[in-house]
Amino acid sequence: MRIKLNGIYVDDQQKALDFYTNVLGFKKSQDIPVGEFRWISVVSPEGGGAELSLEPNANPIAKTYQEALFEKGIPITAFEVDDLESEFRKLSDLGVAFTTEPTDAGDVTLAVFVDTCGNLIQIYQHSPG
């Protein structure tokens, strides 16, 4: 059993696609019309790993879930990076708003940013050793 697809809810699919590809550097994998919405997924440019589906939060339950996580400061997902400080500087220079700057959290160093589509996203780097 493998994880190949994971989804997050977004408040605007096109805005999410633009952010995840143009700012974060992911590659578009799928973009298929599905009624009034689209099935959009992105993947790491490094290959391998799972696809991230950018799901519309049109369902009231999804929207409530997304908003509650954001209000409580809970990231909806996390992405591993090789160099957290470098990624933090790069994203900050691109105008990405961080709610948590790089912070030592034991076995990892982490930071949290706003994805402009209603979510908090954590990035982390495993600590050496």
N, C-alpha and C. Protein backbone atom coordinates (compact mmCIF):
# COMPACT_ATOMS: atom_id res chain seq x y z
N MET A 1 0.84 -1.17 0.00
CA MET A 1 0.00 0.00 0.00
C MET A 1 0.90 1.24 0.00
N ARG A 2 0.57 2.22 -0.86
CA ARG A 2 1.35 3.44 -0.96
C ARG A 2 0.42 4.65 -1.02
N ILE A 3 0.88 5.76 -0.52
CA ILE A 3 0.13 7.01 -0.67
C ILE A 3 0.55 7.60 -2.01
N LYS A 4 -0.40 7.76 -2.91
CA LYS A 4 -0.12 8.32 -4.24
C LYS A 4 -0.84 9.65 -4.47
N LEU A 5 -1.92 9.89 -3.71
CA LEU A 5 -2.70 11.11 -3.89
C LEU A 5 -3.22 11.56 -2.54
N ASN A 6 -3.03 12.83 -2.26
CA ASN A 6 -3.57 13.44 -1.05
C ASN A 6 -4.20 14.76 -1.47
N GLY A 7 -5.24 15.16 -0.82
CA GLY A 7 -5.93 16.39 -1.21
C GLY A 7 -6.00 17.41 -0.09
N ILE A 8 -6.04 18.66 -0.50
CA ILE A 8 -6.33 19.75 0.44
C ILE A 8 -7.45 20.58 -0.18
N TYR A 9 -8.22 21.24 0.67
CA TYR A 9 -9.28 22.11 0.20
C TYR A 9 -8.71 23.50 -0.04
N VAL A 10 -9.17 24.12 -1.13
CA VAL A 10 -8.75 25.49 -1.45
C VAL A 10 -9.99 26.31 -1.78
N ASP A 11 -9.90 27.61 -1.52
CA ASP A 11 -11.07 28.46 -1.77
C ASP A 11 -11.16 28.96 -3.20
N ASP A 12 -10.10 28.75 -3.99
CA ASP A 12 -10.10 29.17 -5.39
C ASP A 12 -9.10 28.27 -6.12
N GLN A 13 -9.60 27.38 -6.97
CA GLN A 13 -8.70 26.41 -7.61
C GLN A 13 -7.66 27.05 -8.51
N GLN A 14 -8.03 28.07 -9.30
CA GLN A 14 -7.04 28.68 -10.19
C GLN A 14 -5.98 29.42 -9.39
N LYS A 15 -6.40 30.15 -8.36
CA LYS A 15 -5.45 30.85 -7.51
C LYS A 15 -4.50 29.85 -6.84
N ALA A 16 -5.05 28.72 -6.42
CA ALA A 16 -4.24 27.67 -5.80
C ALA A 16 -3.23 27.11 -6.79
N LEU A 17 -3.70 26.81 -8.01
CA LEU A 17 -2.79 26.28 -9.04
C LEU A 17 -1.66 27.27 -9.30
N ASP A 18 -1.98 28.53 -9.41
CA ASP A 18 -0.96 29.56 -9.65
C ASP A 18 0.05 29.60 -8.50
N PHE A 19 -0.44 29.57 -7.26
CA PHE A 19 0.45 29.64 -6.10
C PHE A 19 1.34 28.41 -6.00
N TYR A 20 0.74 27.25 -6.11
CA TYR A 20 1.49 26.01 -5.93
C TYR A 20 2.50 25.75 -7.05
N THR A 21 2.23 26.27 -8.25
CA THR A 21 3.18 26.09 -9.34
C THR A 21 4.15 27.27 -9.44
N ASN A 22 3.64 28.49 -9.49
CA ASN A 22 4.49 29.66 -9.72
C ASN A 22 5.29 30.11 -8.51
N VAL A 23 4.77 29.88 -7.30
CA VAL A 23 5.48 30.31 -6.09
C VAL A 23 6.23 29.14 -5.45
N LEU A 24 5.53 28.03 -5.23
CA LEU A 24 6.17 26.90 -4.55
C LEU A 24 6.99 26.04 -5.49
N GLY A 25 6.73 26.12 -6.79
CA GLY A 25 7.54 25.39 -7.75
C GLY A 25 7.10 23.98 -8.08
N PHE A 26 5.90 23.59 -7.64
CA PHE A 26 5.38 22.28 -8.02
C PHE A 26 5.01 22.29 -9.51
N LYS A 27 4.88 21.10 -10.09
CA LYS A 27 4.47 20.96 -11.48
C LYS A 27 3.02 20.50 -11.54
N LYS A 28 2.27 21.05 -12.48
CA LYS A 28 0.89 20.60 -12.68
C LYS A 28 0.92 19.18 -13.22
N SER A 29 0.13 18.31 -12.60
CA SER A 29 0.04 16.93 -13.05
C SER A 29 -1.27 16.68 -13.79
N GLN A 30 -2.38 17.09 -13.18
CA GLN A 30 -3.71 16.90 -13.76
C GLN A 30 -4.46 18.23 -13.74
N ASP A 31 -5.26 18.47 -14.74
CA ASP A 31 -6.16 19.62 -14.77
C ASP A 31 -7.31 19.24 -15.69
N ILE A 32 -8.32 18.62 -15.10
CA ILE A 32 -9.43 18.04 -15.86
C ILE A 32 -10.74 18.67 -15.40
N PRO A 33 -11.53 19.22 -16.33
CA PRO A 33 -12.83 19.77 -15.93
C PRO A 33 -13.73 18.67 -15.35
N VAL A 34 -14.38 19.01 -14.23
CA VAL A 34 -15.33 18.10 -13.58
C VAL A 34 -16.54 18.95 -13.19
N GLY A 35 -17.52 19.05 -14.08
CA GLY A 35 -18.66 19.91 -13.81
C GLY A 35 -18.21 21.35 -13.71
N GLU A 36 -18.64 22.03 -12.65
CA GLU A 36 -18.25 23.44 -12.48
C GLU A 36 -16.86 23.60 -11.88
N PHE A 37 -16.24 22.51 -11.47
CA PHE A 37 -14.91 22.55 -10.87
C PHE A 37 -13.91 21.81 -11.74
N ARG A 38 -12.70 21.61 -11.22
CA ARG A 38 -11.66 20.89 -11.95
C ARG A 38 -10.97 19.92 -10.99
N TRP A 39 -10.47 18.83 -11.56
CA TRP A 39 -9.59 17.96 -10.80
C TRP A 39 -8.19 18.43 -11.15
N ILE A 40 -7.58 19.11 -10.18
CA ILE A 40 -6.25 19.68 -10.35
C ILE A 40 -5.32 19.02 -9.34
N SER A 41 -4.19 18.54 -9.83
CA SER A 41 -3.19 18.02 -8.91
C SER A 41 -1.81 18.52 -9.33
N VAL A 42 -0.94 18.61 -8.34
CA VAL A 42 0.44 19.04 -8.56
C VAL A 42 1.38 18.00 -7.96
N VAL A 43 2.61 18.00 -8.47
CA VAL A 43 3.63 17.08 -7.98
C VAL A 43 4.94 17.83 -7.78
N SER A 44 5.81 17.22 -7.01
CA SER A 44 7.13 17.78 -6.80
C SER A 44 7.91 17.78 -8.11
N PRO A 45 8.66 18.83 -8.40
CA PRO A 45 9.48 18.83 -9.62
C PRO A 45 10.60 17.81 -9.54
N GLU A 46 10.88 17.30 -8.34
CA GLU A 46 11.93 16.31 -8.16
C GLU A 46 11.46 14.90 -8.50
N GLY A 47 10.16 14.75 -8.76
CA GLY A 47 9.61 13.44 -9.10
C GLY A 47 9.37 12.59 -7.88
N GLY A 48 8.74 11.44 -8.12
CA GLY A 48 8.44 10.54 -7.01
C GLY A 48 7.42 11.14 -6.07
N GLY A 49 7.08 10.44 -5.07
CA GLY A 49 6.16 10.95 -4.07
C GLY A 49 4.73 11.00 -4.56
N ALA A 50 3.90 11.63 -3.78
CA ALA A 50 2.47 11.67 -4.04
C ALA A 50 2.07 12.93 -4.79
N GLU A 51 0.90 12.86 -5.42
CA GLU A 51 0.28 14.05 -6.01
C GLU A 51 -0.52 14.75 -4.93
N LEU A 52 -0.60 16.07 -5.03
CA LEU A 52 -1.42 16.87 -4.13
C LEU A 52 -2.59 17.41 -4.94
N SER A 53 -3.80 17.01 -4.58
CA SER A 53 -5.00 17.44 -5.27
C SER A 53 -5.51 18.73 -4.62
N LEU A 54 -5.82 19.73 -5.44
CA LEU A 54 -6.31 21.03 -4.98
C LEU A 54 -7.84 21.01 -5.12
N GLU A 55 -8.50 20.59 -4.06
CA GLU A 55 -9.94 20.35 -4.05
C GLU A 55 -10.72 21.61 -3.72
N PRO A 56 -11.83 21.87 -4.44
CA PRO A 56 -12.65 23.04 -4.10
C PRO A 56 -13.33 22.85 -2.74
N ASN A 57 -13.39 23.92 -1.96
CA ASN A 57 -14.04 23.82 -0.65
C ASN A 57 -15.52 24.19 -0.73
N ALA A 58 -16.15 23.91 -1.86
CA ALA A 58 -17.56 24.27 -2.08
C ALA A 58 -18.51 23.55 -1.14
N ASN A 59 -18.14 22.38 -0.66
CA ASN A 59 -18.96 21.66 0.30
C ASN A 59 -18.88 22.39 1.64
N PRO A 60 -20.02 22.71 2.27
CA PRO A 60 -19.98 23.45 3.55
C PRO A 60 -19.16 22.76 4.63
N ILE A 61 -19.16 21.44 4.65
CA ILE A 61 -18.36 20.71 5.65
C ILE A 61 -16.88 20.95 5.40
N ALA A 62 -16.46 20.88 4.14
CA ALA A 62 -15.06 21.11 3.78
C ALA A 62 -14.65 22.53 4.15
N LYS A 63 -15.49 23.49 3.85
CA LYS A 63 -15.17 24.89 4.14
C LYS A 63 -15.04 25.12 5.65
N THR A 64 -15.96 24.54 6.42
CA THR A 64 -15.91 24.67 7.88
C THR A 64 -14.63 24.05 8.43
N TYR A 65 -14.29 22.87 7.94
CA TYR A 65 -13.06 22.17 8.35
C TYR A 65 -11.84 23.03 8.04
N GLN A 66 -11.76 23.53 6.81
CA GLN A 66 -10.63 24.34 6.39
C GLN A 66 -10.51 25.60 7.26
N GLU A 67 -11.61 26.29 7.46
CA GLU A 67 -11.59 27.53 8.25
C GLU A 67 -11.23 27.26 9.71
N ALA A 68 -11.71 26.16 10.27
CA ALA A 68 -11.42 25.83 11.67
C ALA A 68 -9.94 25.54 11.86
N LEU A 69 -9.34 24.78 10.95
CA LEU A 69 -7.91 24.52 11.05
C LEU A 69 -7.12 25.83 10.98
N PHE A 70 -7.48 26.69 10.04
CA PHE A 70 -6.77 27.96 9.88
C PHE A 70 -6.89 28.81 11.14
N GLU A 71 -8.11 28.92 11.68
CA GLU A 71 -8.33 29.73 12.89
C GLU A 71 -7.52 29.23 14.08
N LYS A 72 -7.35 27.92 14.18
CA LYS A 72 -6.59 27.33 15.29
C LYS A 72 -5.09 27.31 15.02
N GLY A 73 -4.68 27.75 13.82
CA GLY A 73 -3.26 27.78 13.49
C GLY A 73 -2.68 26.42 13.17
N ILE A 74 -3.53 25.49 12.70
CA ILE A 74 -3.10 24.14 12.41
C ILE A 74 -2.85 23.97 10.91
N PRO A 75 -1.63 23.62 10.51
CA PRO A 75 -1.37 23.39 9.10
C PRO A 75 -2.18 22.21 8.56
N ILE A 76 -2.66 22.34 7.33
CA ILE A 76 -3.44 21.27 6.72
C ILE A 76 -2.55 20.14 6.21
N THR A 77 -1.29 20.47 5.91
CA THR A 77 -0.33 19.45 5.46
C THR A 77 1.07 20.00 5.68
N ALA A 78 2.05 19.15 5.40
CA ALA A 78 3.45 19.55 5.57
C ALA A 78 4.28 19.04 4.40
N PHE A 79 5.28 19.83 4.03
CA PHE A 79 6.20 19.47 2.96
C PHE A 79 7.61 19.44 3.53
N GLU A 80 8.36 18.40 3.20
CA GLU A 80 9.75 18.30 3.64
C GLU A 80 10.64 19.08 2.68
N VAL A 81 11.61 19.79 3.23
CA VAL A 81 12.58 20.53 2.43
C VAL A 81 13.98 20.13 2.87
N ASP A 82 14.96 20.31 1.98
CA ASP A 82 16.35 19.97 2.30
C ASP A 82 17.03 21.04 3.14
N ASP A 83 16.67 22.31 2.90
CA ASP A 83 17.31 23.43 3.59
C ASP A 83 16.23 24.44 3.97
N LEU A 84 15.76 24.34 5.20
CA LEU A 84 14.63 25.16 5.65
C LEU A 84 14.95 26.65 5.60
N GLU A 85 16.12 27.04 6.07
CA GLU A 85 16.48 28.47 6.07
C GLU A 85 16.47 29.04 4.66
N SER A 86 17.03 28.31 3.71
CA SER A 86 17.06 28.76 2.33
C SER A 86 15.64 28.86 1.76
N GLU A 87 14.82 27.86 2.01
CA GLU A 87 13.44 27.86 1.52
C GLU A 87 12.65 29.00 2.14
N PHE A 88 12.85 29.23 3.43
CA PHE A 88 12.19 30.33 4.13
C PHE A 88 12.55 31.67 3.49
N ARG A 89 13.83 31.90 3.24
CA ARG A 89 14.27 33.16 2.62
C ARG A 89 13.69 33.31 1.21
N LYS A 90 13.76 32.23 0.42
CA LYS A 90 13.25 32.27 -0.95
C LYS A 90 11.76 32.62 -0.96
N LEU A 91 10.98 31.91 -0.15
CA LEU A 91 9.54 32.16 -0.13
C LEU A 91 9.21 33.53 0.44
N SER A 92 9.94 33.95 1.46
CA SER A 92 9.73 35.30 2.01
C SER A 92 10.00 36.36 0.96
N ASP A 93 11.07 36.18 0.19
CA ASP A 93 11.41 37.12 -0.88
C ASP A 93 10.33 37.17 -1.96
N LEU A 94 9.59 36.06 -2.12
CA LEU A 94 8.49 36.01 -3.09
C LEU A 94 7.18 36.55 -2.52
N GLY A 95 7.22 37.03 -1.27
CA GLY A 95 6.04 37.63 -0.65
C GLY A 95 5.16 36.68 0.13
N VAL A 96 5.62 35.44 0.34
CA VAL A 96 4.83 34.48 1.10
C VAL A 96 4.81 34.90 2.56
N ALA A 97 3.61 34.90 3.16
CA ALA A 97 3.43 35.30 4.55
C ALA A 97 3.59 34.10 5.47
N PHE A 98 4.52 34.20 6.41
CA PHE A 98 4.76 33.14 7.38
C PHE A 98 4.08 33.49 8.70
N THR A 99 3.43 32.50 9.30
CA THR A 99 2.84 32.66 10.63
C THR A 99 3.79 32.14 11.69
N THR A 100 4.71 31.27 11.30
CA THR A 100 5.74 30.75 12.19
C THR A 100 7.06 30.76 11.43
N GLU A 101 8.02 31.52 11.93
CA GLU A 101 9.34 31.55 11.31
C GLU A 101 10.08 30.27 11.70
N PRO A 102 11.22 29.98 11.07
CA PRO A 102 11.93 28.75 11.38
C PRO A 102 12.11 28.56 12.89
N THR A 103 11.65 27.38 13.34
CA THR A 103 11.61 27.06 14.76
C THR A 103 12.13 25.65 14.98
N ASP A 104 13.02 25.50 15.96
CA ASP A 104 13.52 24.18 16.32
C ASP A 104 12.41 23.46 17.08
N ALA A 105 12.06 22.27 16.63
CA ALA A 105 11.00 21.48 17.27
C ALA A 105 11.51 20.07 17.55
N GLY A 106 12.69 19.97 18.12
CA GLY A 106 13.24 18.66 18.45
C GLY A 106 13.93 18.03 17.27
N ASP A 107 13.31 16.99 16.70
CA ASP A 107 13.92 16.27 15.58
C ASP A 107 13.80 16.99 14.24
N VAL A 108 13.03 18.08 14.21
CA VAL A 108 12.85 18.85 12.99
C VAL A 108 12.94 20.34 13.28
N THR A 109 13.22 21.09 12.23
CA THR A 109 13.06 22.54 12.24
C THR A 109 11.90 22.80 11.31
N LEU A 110 10.99 23.69 11.70
CA LEU A 110 9.79 23.90 10.90
C LEU A 110 9.46 25.38 10.78
N ALA A 111 8.63 25.68 9.80
CA ALA A 111 8.06 27.01 9.60
C ALA A 111 6.67 26.79 9.00
N VAL A 112 5.80 27.79 9.18
CA VAL A 112 4.43 27.67 8.68
C VAL A 112 4.09 28.93 7.89
N PHE A 113 3.48 28.73 6.70
CA PHE A 113 3.09 29.87 5.87
C PHE A 113 1.64 29.75 5.42
N VAL A 114 1.12 30.87 4.92
CA VAL A 114 -0.24 30.95 4.39
C VAL A 114 -0.17 30.71 2.89
N ASP A 115 -1.01 29.80 2.38
CA ASP A 115 -0.94 29.46 0.95
C ASP A 115 -1.81 30.35 0.06
N THR A 116 -2.41 31.38 0.60
CA THR A 116 -3.28 32.35 -0.09
C THR A 116 -4.63 31.76 -0.50
N CYS A 117 -4.88 30.49 -0.20
CA CYS A 117 -6.11 29.81 -0.62
C CYS A 117 -6.87 29.25 0.57
N GLY A 118 -6.57 29.77 1.77
CA GLY A 118 -7.31 29.37 2.96
C GLY A 118 -6.61 28.37 3.87
N ASN A 119 -5.33 28.08 3.60
CA ASN A 119 -4.64 27.06 4.38
C ASN A 119 -3.32 27.55 4.96
N LEU A 120 -2.95 26.90 6.05
CA LEU A 120 -1.61 27.01 6.58
C LEU A 120 -0.85 25.77 6.16
N ILE A 121 0.37 25.94 5.69
CA ILE A 121 1.21 24.85 5.23
C ILE A 121 2.50 24.87 6.04
N GLN A 122 2.89 23.72 6.56
CA GLN A 122 4.14 23.60 7.30
C GLN A 122 5.23 23.08 6.37
N ILE A 123 6.40 23.67 6.46
CA ILE A 123 7.57 23.08 5.82
C ILE A 123 8.52 22.67 6.94
N TYR A 124 9.24 21.60 6.73
CA TYR A 124 10.13 21.12 7.79
C TYR A 124 11.39 20.49 7.20
N GLN A 125 12.41 20.48 8.03
CA GLN A 125 13.68 19.83 7.70
C GLN A 125 14.07 18.99 8.88
N HIS A 126 14.44 17.73 8.63
CA HIS A 126 14.91 16.87 9.71
C HIS A 126 16.21 17.44 10.25
N SER A 127 16.36 17.42 11.57
CA SER A 127 17.59 17.90 12.20
C SER A 127 18.69 16.89 11.97
N PRO A 128 19.93 17.39 11.82
CA PRO A 128 21.05 16.46 11.63
C PRO A 128 21.21 15.57 12.85
N GLY A 129 21.66 14.37 12.63
CA GLY A 129 21.97 13.49 13.75
C GLY A 129 21.09 12.37 13.93
